[in-house]
Amino acid sequence: MRVDVLGVSFDNITPEEAVDRALAMLEEDRPHLVATPNPEMIQRAEKDPAFARVLSEADLVLADGIGVIYAAKILGRPLKGRVTGVDFASALMERLAGTDRRLFLLGAKPGVAEEAAKRLAARYPGLNICGAHDGYFQDDAPVIEAVRASGADVVFVCLGFPKQELWAAAHGAEAGAKLYVGLGGSLDVFAGKVERAPEKMQKLGLEWLYRLYKEPARIGRMAKLPLILFQALGARLKGK
């Protein structure tokens, strides 16, 4: 079951159910896309029909931002809970470790994906990381070939939205993997370049505040959190 939040439909599932669903997709012989929208992505989809279409066609749409959770509550159709991209990816890797499934890391600055691969291999013994490539490329063909040649089953696509979702939708079949997960800046987290908020702040939904403290330049982006709540309130009052 999906829940519409200001034009983007989210799967109403728990983190555990999300991972189970993703693993089931690996048994199907076609590419699948997992999207993890936050308030910024919802607002981008309102203005970008191509991006909105890709999100609507994604096989799994997870509520990454706490603003999405609050907006859904205001609209009177609450979601089971937040499923952050980093936490989803971490749980998925834990389940993939020790299997024959192969993971490819795509995105971030040169060297970051490789560093993330080293750290993840140590964190999840038995995880088969079959390749890595930075996100600073102009020509898609060599990247598509690198993914295909690696025999990847899963690709973490960390190119930032909407590029990562559009790339996966356009090239997923050709690259040959079965599951593409749009994860924004997650490789920086996995590589130790960016520190996540303390666990208590994560549980309270205040990770955005910690990021703002660490990166004050993000204030313009953070301002979209209250804006989406006003949009949700407006839609509720109008009966939408």
C-alpha atoms as a PDB file:
ATOM      1  CA  MET A   1       0.000   0.000   0.000  1.00  0.00           C
ATOM      2  CA  ARG A   2       1.260   3.465  -0.884  1.00  0.00           C
ATOM      3  CA  VAL A   3       0.512   6.798   0.758  1.00  0.00           C
ATOM      4  CA  ASP A   4       0.430  10.013  -1.250  1.00  0.00           C
ATOM      5  CA  VAL A   5       2.355  12.891   0.301  1.00  0.00           C
ATOM      6  CA  LEU A   6       2.018  16.038  -1.794  1.00  0.00           C
ATOM      7  CA  GLY A   7       2.155  14.171  -5.087  1.00  0.00           C
ATOM      8  CA  VAL A   8       4.760  11.525  -4.243  1.00  0.00           C
ATOM      9  CA  SER A   9       3.520   8.066  -3.273  1.00  0.00           C
ATOM     10  CA  PHE A  10       5.455   6.331  -0.483  1.00  0.00           C
ATOM     11  CA  ASP A  11       5.425   2.672   0.450  1.00  0.00           C
ATOM     12  CA  ASN A  12       3.913   2.407   3.914  1.00  0.00           C
ATOM     13  CA  ILE A  13       6.317  -0.146   5.351  1.00  0.00           C
ATOM     14  CA  THR A  14       8.748  -0.617   8.210  1.00  0.00           C
ATOM     15  CA  PRO A  15      12.533  -0.703   7.712  1.00  0.00           C
ATOM     16  CA  GLU A  16      12.512  -4.490   8.054  1.00  0.00           C
ATOM     17  CA  GLU A  17       9.747  -4.849   5.481  1.00  0.00           C
ATOM     18  CA  ALA A  18      11.656  -2.561   3.113  1.00  0.00           C
ATOM     19  CA  VAL A  19      14.735  -4.805   3.188  1.00  0.00           C
ATOM     20  CA  ASP A  20      12.603  -7.929   2.721  1.00  0.00           C
ATOM     21  CA  ARG A  21      10.967  -6.308  -0.290  1.00  0.00           C
ATOM     22  CA  ALA A  22      14.343  -5.367  -1.783  1.00  0.00           C
ATOM     23  CA  LEU A  23      15.710  -8.888  -1.376  1.00  0.00           C
ATOM     24  CA  ALA A  24      12.624 -10.286  -3.090  1.00  0.00           C
ATOM     25  CA  MET A  25      13.284  -7.976  -6.040  1.00  0.00           C
ATOM     26  CA  LEU A  26      16.692  -9.586  -6.497  1.00  0.00           C
ATOM     27  CA  GLU A  27      14.908 -12.813  -7.383  1.00  0.00           C
ATOM     28  CA  GLU A  28      13.215 -11.156 -10.373  1.00  0.00           C
ATOM     29  CA  ASP A  29      14.950 -10.934 -13.709  1.00  0.00           C
ATOM     30  CA  ARG A  30      14.575  -7.196 -14.313  1.00  0.00           C
ATOM     31  CA  PRO A  31      15.980  -3.947 -12.935  1.00  0.00           C
ATOM     32  CA  HIS A  32      14.292  -2.323  -9.932  1.00  0.00           C
ATOM     33  CA  LEU A  33      14.653   1.157  -8.488  1.00  0.00           C
ATOM     34  CA  VAL A  34      14.531   2.095  -4.800  1.00  0.00           C
ATOM     35  CA  ALA A  35      14.044   5.822  -4.199  1.00  0.00           C
ATOM     36  CA  THR A  36      14.436   7.568  -0.844  1.00  0.00           C
ATOM     37  CA  PRO A  37      12.690  10.957  -1.160  1.00  0.00           C
ATOM     38  CA  ASN A  38      12.992  13.762   1.386  1.00  0.00           C
ATOM     39  CA  PRO A  39      11.121  17.110   1.380  1.00  0.00           C
ATOM     40  CA  GLU A  40      13.507  18.620  -1.177  1.00  0.00           C
ATOM     41  CA  MET A  41      12.802  15.788  -3.579  1.00  0.00           C
ATOM     42  CA  ILE A  42       9.042  16.162  -3.164  1.00  0.00           C
ATOM     43  CA  GLN A  43       9.327  19.841  -4.029  1.00  0.00           C
ATOM     44  CA  ARG A  44      11.566  19.076  -7.007  1.00  0.00           C
ATOM     45  CA  ALA A  45       9.037  16.545  -8.277  1.00  0.00           C
ATOM     46  CA  GLU A  46       6.329  19.232  -8.225  1.00  0.00           C
ATOM     47  CA  LYS A  47       8.302  21.214 -10.813  1.00  0.00           C
ATOM     48  CA  ASP A  48      10.021  18.405 -12.728  1.00  0.00           C
ATOM     49  CA  PRO A  49       7.626  16.044 -14.572  1.00  0.00           C
ATOM     50  CA  ALA A  50      10.398  13.655 -15.644  1.00  0.00           C
ATOM     51  CA  PHE A  51      11.604  13.258 -12.073  1.00  0.00           C
ATOM     52  CA  ALA A  52       8.034  12.890 -10.782  1.00  0.00           C
ATOM     53  CA  ARG A  53       7.410  10.134 -13.321  1.00  0.00           C
ATOM     54  CA  VAL A  54      10.535   8.202 -12.289  1.00  0.00           C
ATOM     55  CA  LEU A  55       9.508   8.399  -8.618  1.00  0.00           C
ATOM     56  CA  SER A  56       6.003   7.209  -9.442  1.00  0.00           C
ATOM     57  CA  GLU A  57       7.425   4.247 -11.357  1.00  0.00           C
ATOM     58  CA  ALA A  58      10.021   3.304  -8.729  1.00  0.00           C
ATOM     59  CA  ASP A  59       9.538  -0.160  -7.279  1.00  0.00           C
ATOM     60  CA  LEU A  60      10.122   0.959  -3.697  1.00  0.00           C
ATOM     61  CA  VAL A  61       9.725   4.523  -2.392  1.00  0.00           C
ATOM     62  CA  LEU A  62      10.953   5.090   1.160  1.00  0.00           C
ATOM     63  CA  ALA A  63      10.315   8.106   3.396  1.00  0.00           C
ATOM     64  CA  ASP A  64      13.841   9.306   4.115  1.00  0.00           C
ATOM     65  CA  GLY A  65      13.168  12.754   5.587  1.00  0.00           C
ATOM     66  CA  ILE A  66      11.479  13.428   8.908  1.00  0.00           C
ATOM     67  CA  GLY A  67       9.559  16.182   7.119  1.00  0.00           C
ATOM     68  CA  VAL A  68       7.858  13.506   5.017  1.00  0.00           C
ATOM     69  CA  ILE A  69       6.707  11.721   8.171  1.00  0.00           C
ATOM     70  CA  TYR A  70       5.323  14.917   9.697  1.00  0.00           C
ATOM     71  CA  ALA A  71       3.637  15.924   6.436  1.00  0.00           C
ATOM     72  CA  ALA A  72       1.934  12.523   6.168  1.00  0.00           C
ATOM     73  CA  LYS A  73       0.590  12.905   9.716  1.00  0.00           C
ATOM     74  CA  ILE A  74      -0.734  16.382   8.962  1.00  0.00           C
ATOM     75  CA  LEU A  75      -2.469  15.009   5.865  1.00  0.00           C
ATOM     76  CA  GLY A  76      -4.196  12.411   8.036  1.00  0.00           C
ATOM     77  CA  ARG A  77      -2.503   9.408   6.465  1.00  0.00           C
ATOM     78  CA  PRO A  78       0.498   8.592   8.675  1.00  0.00           C
ATOM     79  CA  LEU A  79       3.296   6.331   7.543  1.00  0.00           C
ATOM     80  CA  LYS A  80       4.584   3.458   9.664  1.00  0.00           C
ATOM     81  CA  GLY A  81       7.867   5.263  10.123  1.00  0.00           C
ATOM     82  CA  ARG A  82      10.931   6.827   8.600  1.00  0.00           C
ATOM     83  CA  VAL A  83      13.260   4.653   6.520  1.00  0.00           C
ATOM     84  CA  THR A  84      16.484   6.564   5.938  1.00  0.00           C
ATOM     85  CA  GLY A  85      18.623   5.704   2.952  1.00  0.00           C
ATOM     86  CA  VAL A  86      21.710   5.080   5.082  1.00  0.00           C
ATOM     87  CA  ASP A  87      19.864   2.786   7.491  1.00  0.00           C
ATOM     88  CA  PHE A  88      18.147   0.912   4.668  1.00  0.00           C
ATOM     89  CA  ALA A  89      21.450   0.415   2.844  1.00  0.00           C
ATOM     90  CA  SER A  90      23.164  -0.726   6.049  1.00  0.00           C
ATOM     91  CA  ALA A  91      20.464  -3.287   6.814  1.00  0.00           C
ATOM     92  CA  LEU A  92      20.512  -4.484   3.218  1.00  0.00           C
ATOM     93  CA  MET A  93      24.293  -4.974   3.273  1.00  0.00           C
ATOM     94  CA  GLU A  94      24.023  -6.927   6.507  1.00  0.00           C
ATOM     95  CA  ARG A  95      21.600  -9.296   4.787  1.00  0.00           C
ATOM     96  CA  LEU A  96      23.722  -9.510   1.623  1.00  0.00           C
ATOM     97  CA  ALA A  97      26.923 -10.374   3.513  1.00  0.00           C
ATOM     98  CA  GLY A  98      27.833 -14.016   3.105  1.00  0.00           C
ATOM     99  CA  THR A  99      25.662 -14.479   0.015  1.00  0.00           C
ATOM    100  CA  ASP A 100      26.717 -14.553  -3.622  1.00  0.00           C
ATOM    101  CA  ARG A 101      25.067 -11.198  -4.329  1.00  0.00           C
ATOM    102  CA  ARG A 102      27.431  -8.540  -5.656  1.00  0.00           C
ATOM    103  CA  LEU A 103      27.372  -4.824  -4.743  1.00  0.00           C
ATOM    104  CA  PHE A 104      28.691  -1.900  -6.816  1.00  0.00           C
ATOM    105  CA  LEU A 105      29.249   1.564  -5.352  1.00  0.00           C
ATOM    106  CA  LEU A 106      28.690   4.502  -7.700  1.00  0.00           C
ATOM    107  CA  GLY A 107      29.096   8.168  -6.808  1.00  0.00           C
ATOM    108  CA  ALA A 108      30.841  10.805  -4.687  1.00  0.00           C
ATOM    109  CA  LYS A 109      34.239  12.406  -5.338  1.00  0.00           C
ATOM    110  CA  PRO A 110      37.151  10.368  -6.728  1.00  0.00           C
ATOM    111  CA  GLY A 111      38.477   7.969  -4.117  1.00  0.00           C
ATOM    112  CA  VAL A 112      35.469   8.151  -1.797  1.00  0.00           C
ATOM    113  CA  ALA A 113      33.667   5.084  -3.196  1.00  0.00           C
ATOM    114  CA  GLU A 114      36.873   3.043  -2.891  1.00  0.00           C
ATOM    115  CA  GLU A 115      37.356   4.140   0.723  1.00  0.00           C
ATOM    116  CA  ALA A 116      33.735   3.329   1.461  1.00  0.00           C
ATOM    117  CA  ALA A 117      34.255  -0.118  -0.070  1.00  0.00           C
ATOM    118  CA  LYS A 118      37.194  -0.820   2.257  1.00  0.00           C
ATOM    119  CA  ARG A 119      35.294   0.253   5.356  1.00  0.00           C
ATOM    120  CA  LEU A 120      32.123  -1.604   4.404  1.00  0.00           C
ATOM    121  CA  ALA A 121      34.046  -4.793   3.655  1.00  0.00           C
ATOM    122  CA  ALA A 122      35.511  -4.627   7.166  1.00  0.00           C
ATOM    123  CA  ARG A 123      32.159  -3.802   8.752  1.00  0.00           C
ATOM    124  CA  TYR A 124      30.240  -6.550   6.932  1.00  0.00           C
ATOM    125  CA  PRO A 125      32.477  -9.624   6.594  1.00  0.00           C
ATOM    126  CA  GLY A 126      31.494 -11.614   3.549  1.00  0.00           C
ATOM    127  CA  LEU A 127      29.979  -8.634   1.724  1.00  0.00           C
ATOM    128  CA  ASN A 128      30.917  -8.958  -1.949  1.00  0.00           C
ATOM    129  CA  ILE A 129      31.749  -5.461  -3.214  1.00  0.00           C
ATOM    130  CA  CYS A 130      32.534  -6.033  -6.868  1.00  0.00           C
ATOM    131  CA  GLY A 131      33.393  -2.502  -7.993  1.00  0.00           C
ATOM    132  CA  ALA A 132      33.356   1.225  -7.375  1.00  0.00           C
ATOM    133  CA  HIS A 133      33.297   4.365  -9.524  1.00  0.00           C
ATOM    134  CA  ASP A 134      33.161   8.044  -8.659  1.00  0.00           C
ATOM    135  CA  GLY A 135      30.274  10.265  -9.671  1.00  0.00           C
ATOM    136  CA  TYR A 136      32.343  12.786 -11.619  1.00  0.00           C
ATOM    137  CA  PHE A 137      31.832  11.392 -15.100  1.00  0.00           C
ATOM    138  CA  GLN A 138      30.595  12.992 -18.294  1.00  0.00           C
ATOM    139  CA  ASP A 139      30.185   9.869 -20.422  1.00  0.00           C
ATOM    140  CA  ASP A 140      27.701   7.250 -19.247  1.00  0.00           C
ATOM    141  CA  ALA A 141      28.992   4.435 -21.460  1.00  0.00           C
ATOM    142  CA  PRO A 142      32.170   3.547 -19.491  1.00  0.00           C
ATOM    143  CA  VAL A 143      30.223   3.552 -16.222  1.00  0.00           C
ATOM    144  CA  ILE A 144      27.497   1.337 -17.644  1.00  0.00           C
ATOM    145  CA  GLU A 145      30.151  -1.059 -18.917  1.00  0.00           C
ATOM    146  CA  ALA A 146      31.956  -1.060 -15.543  1.00  0.00           C
ATOM    147  CA  VAL A 147      28.754  -2.034 -13.742  1.00  0.00           C
ATOM    148  CA  ARG A 148      27.907  -4.686 -16.329  1.00  0.00           C
ATOM    149  CA  ALA A 149      31.412  -6.159 -16.328  1.00  0.00           C
ATOM    150  CA  SER A 150      31.415  -6.357 -12.520  1.00  0.00           C
ATOM    151  CA  GLY A 151      28.387  -8.650 -12.518  1.00  0.00           C
ATOM    152  CA  ALA A 152      26.713  -6.463  -9.899  1.00  0.00           C
ATOM    153  CA  ASP A 153      23.311  -7.429  -8.545  1.00  0.00           C
ATOM    154  CA  VAL A 154      22.911  -4.248  -6.486  1.00  0.00           C
ATOM    155  CA  VAL A 155      24.143  -0.728  -7.240  1.00  0.00           C
ATOM    156  CA  PHE A 156      24.158   2.083  -4.708  1.00  0.00           C
ATOM    157  CA  VAL A 157      23.721   5.127  -6.953  1.00  0.00           C
ATOM    158  CA  CYS A 158      24.967   8.167  -5.048  1.00  0.00           C
ATOM    159  CA  LEU A 159      24.869  10.962  -7.621  1.00  0.00           C
ATOM    160  CA  GLY A 160      22.442  13.297  -5.860  1.00  0.00           C
ATOM    161  CA  PHE A 161      18.839  13.761  -6.925  1.00  0.00           C
ATOM    162  CA  PRO A 162      17.400  13.829  -9.512  1.00  0.00           C
ATOM    163  CA  LYS A 163      20.468  12.602 -11.411  1.00  0.00           C
ATOM    164  CA  GLN A 164      20.750   9.313  -9.555  1.00  0.00           C
ATOM    165  CA  GLU A 165      17.105   8.323 -10.098  1.00  0.00           C
ATOM    166  CA  LEU A 166      17.097   9.439 -13.723  1.00  0.00           C
ATOM    167  CA  TRP A 167      20.383   7.615 -14.367  1.00  0.00           C
ATOM    168  CA  ALA A 168      19.138   4.371 -12.868  1.00  0.00           C
ATOM    169  CA  ALA A 169      15.853   4.555 -14.768  1.00  0.00           C
ATOM    170  CA  ALA A 170      17.598   5.286 -18.063  1.00  0.00           C
ATOM    171  CA  HIS A 171      20.528   2.863 -17.811  1.00  0.00           C
ATOM    172  CA  GLY A 172      19.508   0.202 -15.305  1.00  0.00           C
ATOM    173  CA  ALA A 173      18.577  -2.452 -17.825  1.00  0.00           C
ATOM    174  CA  GLU A 174      21.709  -1.906 -19.906  1.00  0.00           C
ATOM    175  CA  ALA A 175      24.014  -1.959 -16.865  1.00  0.00           C
ATOM    176  CA  GLY A 176      22.614  -5.346 -15.935  1.00  0.00           C
ATOM    177  CA  ALA A 177      22.033  -5.092 -12.174  1.00  0.00           C
ATOM    178  CA  LYS A 178      18.711  -6.020 -10.591  1.00  0.00           C
ATOM    179  CA  LEU A 179      18.481  -3.404  -7.847  1.00  0.00           C
ATOM    180  CA  TYR A 180      19.461   0.276  -7.964  1.00  0.00           C
ATOM    181  CA  VAL A 181      19.207   2.332  -4.786  1.00  0.00           C
ATOM    182  CA  GLY A 182      19.371   6.141  -4.891  1.00  0.00           C
ATOM    183  CA  LEU A 183      21.338   7.159  -1.808  1.00  0.00           C
ATOM    184  CA  GLY A 184      22.514  10.752  -2.242  1.00  0.00           C
ATOM    185  CA  GLY A 185      25.559  11.438  -0.077  1.00  0.00           C
ATOM    186  CA  SER A 186      25.594   8.074   1.698  1.00  0.00           C
ATOM    187  CA  LEU A 187      29.000   7.084   0.346  1.00  0.00           C
ATOM    188  CA  ASP A 188      30.521  10.036   2.211  1.00  0.00           C
ATOM    189  CA  VAL A 189      29.005   8.613   5.403  1.00  0.00           C
ATOM    190  CA  PHE A 190      30.212   5.080   4.674  1.00  0.00           C
ATOM    191  CA  ALA A 191      33.695   6.409   3.843  1.00  0.00           C
ATOM    192  CA  GLY A 192      33.878   8.341   7.119  1.00  0.00           C
ATOM    193  CA  LYS A 193      33.902  11.735   5.380  1.00  0.00           C
ATOM    194  CA  VAL A 194      30.617  12.834   6.965  1.00  0.00           C
ATOM    195  CA  GLU A 195      29.553  12.039  10.511  1.00  0.00           C
ATOM    196  CA  ARG A 196      25.943  11.123  11.248  1.00  0.00           C
ATOM    197  CA  ALA A 197      24.079  12.654  14.142  1.00  0.00           C
ATOM    198  CA  PRO A 198      24.223  10.885  17.526  1.00  0.00           C
ATOM    199  CA  GLU A 199      21.737   8.027  17.745  1.00  0.00           C
ATOM    200  CA  LYS A 200      19.510   9.905  20.204  1.00  0.00           C
ATOM    201  CA  MET A 201      19.109  12.776  17.755  1.00  0.00           C
ATOM    202  CA  GLN A 202      18.354  10.320  14.952  1.00  0.00           C
ATOM    203  CA  LYS A 203      15.586   8.698  16.982  1.00  0.00           C
ATOM    204  CA  LEU A 204      14.101  12.105  17.813  1.00  0.00           C
ATOM    205  CA  GLY A 205      14.079  13.068  14.132  1.00  0.00           C
ATOM    206  CA  LEU A 206      16.636  15.810  14.722  1.00  0.00           C
ATOM    207  CA  GLU A 207      19.341  14.591  12.365  1.00  0.00           C
ATOM    208  CA  TRP A 208      18.634  17.620  10.164  1.00  0.00           C
ATOM    209  CA  LEU A 209      19.505  19.914  13.086  1.00  0.00           C
ATOM    210  CA  TYR A 210      22.830  18.168  13.607  1.00  0.00           C
ATOM    211  CA  ARG A 211      23.640  18.493   9.903  1.00  0.00           C
ATOM    212  CA  LEU A 212      22.813  22.187  10.081  1.00  0.00           C
ATOM    213  CA  TYR A 213      25.117  22.596  13.089  1.00  0.00           C
ATOM    214  CA  LYS A 214      27.924  20.856  11.213  1.00  0.00           C
ATOM    215  CA  GLU A 215      27.219  22.565   7.882  1.00  0.00           C
ATOM    216  CA  PRO A 216      25.633  26.025   8.405  1.00  0.00           C
ATOM    217  CA  ALA A 217      25.677  26.600   4.643  1.00  0.00           C
ATOM    218  CA  ARG A 218      22.802  24.091   4.403  1.00  0.00           C
ATOM    219  CA  ILE A 219      20.372  26.561   5.987  1.00  0.00           C
ATOM    220  CA  GLY A 220      18.749  27.316   2.638  1.00  0.00           C
ATOM    221  CA  ARG A 221      18.023  23.644   2.076  1.00  0.00           C
ATOM    222  CA  MET A 222      16.861  23.083   5.649  1.00  0.00           C
ATOM    223  CA  ALA A 223      14.334  25.891   5.257  1.00  0.00           C
ATOM    224  CA  LYS A 224      12.325  23.550   3.067  1.00  0.00           C
ATOM    225  CA  LEU A 225      11.430  21.376   6.062  1.00  0.00           C
ATOM    226  CA  PRO A 226       8.880  23.801   7.558  1.00  0.00           C
ATOM    227  CA  LEU A 227       7.709  24.761   4.057  1.00  0.00           C
ATOM    228  CA  ILE A 228       6.552  21.230   3.285  1.00  0.00           C
ATOM    229  CA  LEU A 229       4.629  21.144   6.557  1.00  0.00           C
ATOM    230  CA  PHE A 230       2.773  24.317   5.578  1.00  0.00           C
ATOM    231  CA  GLN A 231       2.044  22.760   2.189  1.00  0.00           C
ATOM    232  CA  ALA A 232       0.633  19.677   3.888  1.00  0.00           C
ATOM    233  CA  LEU A 233      -1.498  21.793   6.198  1.00  0.00           C
ATOM    234  CA  GLY A 234      -2.804  23.762   3.247  1.00  0.00           C
ATOM    235  CA  ALA A 235      -3.668  20.576   1.386  1.00  0.00           C
ATOM    236  CA  ARG A 236      -5.446  19.160   4.462  1.00  0.00           C
ATOM    237  CA  LEU A 237      -7.518  22.307   4.883  1.00  0.00           C
ATOM    238  CA  LYS A 238      -8.498  22.147   1.222  1.00  0.00           C
ATOM    239  CA  GLY A 239      -9.522  18.545   1.629  1.00  0.00           C
ATOM    240  CA  LYS A 240      -6.861  17.163  -0.721  1.00  0.00           C
END
